[in-house]
Amino acid sequence: MHFGTTEIILIIAVVFLLFGATRLPQLAKSIGQSRKAFKEGMREAEEENKPVATAPAPQISALSDEEILAEMQRRKAE
């Protein structure tokens, strides 16, 4: 859909008549604030969906026998 110059001028005139000169700046400001809030909400939602980096689990081969036995006893006590 392509709007020509005449259609755009007509739309602007109708908006100007509906809202008046005093309310147009308020309307533009509220639209800008809504857009900013929407973008911030989308950014926060994307951050929530990112996986959280956790500390890697120790490898069994890196533990001594005593450490393995201590861990097994600790888990058994829970």
Protein backbone atom coordinates (compact mmCIF):
# COMPACT_ATOMS: atom_id res chain seq x y z
CA MET A 1 0.00 0.00 0.00
CA HIS A 2 1.52 3.31 -1.08
CA PHE A 3 0.35 6.67 0.23
CA GLY A 4 0.73 9.71 -1.95
CA THR A 5 1.31 13.28 -0.83
CA THR A 6 -2.39 14.12 -0.95
CA GLU A 7 -3.35 11.20 1.28
CA ILE A 8 -0.67 12.04 3.84
CA ILE A 9 -1.76 15.70 3.98
CA LEU A 10 -5.39 14.60 4.39
CA ILE A 11 -4.49 12.24 7.24
CA ILE A 12 -2.47 14.97 9.00
CA ALA A 13 -5.36 17.41 8.63
CA VAL A 14 -7.84 14.93 10.11
CA VAL A 15 -5.52 14.20 13.06
CA PHE A 16 -5.02 17.93 13.60
CA LEU A 17 -8.80 18.51 13.60
CA LEU A 18 -9.49 15.60 15.94
CA PHE A 19 -6.85 16.34 18.55
CA GLY A 20 -6.15 20.05 18.16
CA ALA A 21 -2.86 21.88 18.29
CA THR A 22 -2.54 21.71 22.08
CA ARG A 23 -2.98 17.95 22.38
CA LEU A 24 -0.70 16.89 19.52
CA PRO A 25 2.57 17.36 21.50
CA GLN A 26 1.07 15.41 24.41
CA LEU A 27 -0.02 12.66 22.03
CA ALA A 28 3.45 12.45 20.46
CA LYS A 29 5.08 12.34 23.89
CA SER A 30 2.83 9.54 25.11
CA ILE A 31 3.46 7.53 21.95
CA GLY A 32 7.21 7.96 22.44
CA GLN A 33 7.01 6.87 26.07
CA SER A 34 4.92 3.83 25.14
CA ARG A 35 7.41 2.85 22.46
CA LYS A 36 10.33 3.24 24.89
CA ALA A 37 8.55 1.13 27.54
CA PHE A 38 7.76 -1.56 24.95
CA LYS A 39 11.39 -1.75 23.80
CA GLU A 40 12.59 -1.94 27.41
CA GLY A 41 10.13 -4.75 28.13
CA MET A 42 11.31 -6.66 25.07
CA ARG A 43 14.94 -6.22 26.14
CA GLU A 44 14.16 -7.50 29.64
CA ALA A 45 12.29 -10.50 28.22
CA GLU A 46 15.27 -11.36 26.01
CA GLU A 47 17.62 -11.12 29.00
CA GLU A 48 15.40 -13.46 31.03
CA ASN A 49 15.52 -16.06 28.26
CA LYS A 50 19.32 -16.10 28.10
CA PRO A 51 20.89 -19.11 29.81
CA VAL A 52 22.63 -18.31 33.07
CA ALA A 53 26.27 -19.30 33.26
CA THR A 54 26.83 -21.60 36.21
CA ALA A 55 30.01 -22.91 37.74
CA PRO A 56 31.04 -26.15 36.07
CA ALA A 57 30.69 -29.30 38.11
CA PRO A 58 33.99 -30.75 39.26
CA GLN A 59 35.20 -33.64 37.19
CA ILE A 60 35.41 -36.94 39.05
CA SER A 61 38.87 -37.58 37.69
CA ALA A 62 40.06 -34.30 39.28
CA LEU A 63 38.96 -35.41 42.78
CA SER A 64 40.94 -37.54 45.12
CA ASP A 65 39.49 -40.70 46.65
CA GLU A 66 39.07 -38.96 50.00
CA GLU A 67 37.14 -36.09 48.40
CA ILE A 68 34.85 -38.53 46.58
CA LEU A 69 34.14 -40.43 49.81
CA ALA A 70 33.46 -37.17 51.69
CA GLU A 71 31.03 -36.06 48.97
CA MET A 72 29.25 -39.41 49.01
CA GLN A 73 28.85 -39.24 52.79
CA ARG A 74 27.60 -35.66 52.61
CA ARG A 75 24.96 -36.61 50.04
CA LYS A 76 23.95 -39.68 52.05
CA ALA A 77 23.41 -37.50 55.13
CA GLU A 78 21.02 -35.18 53.23
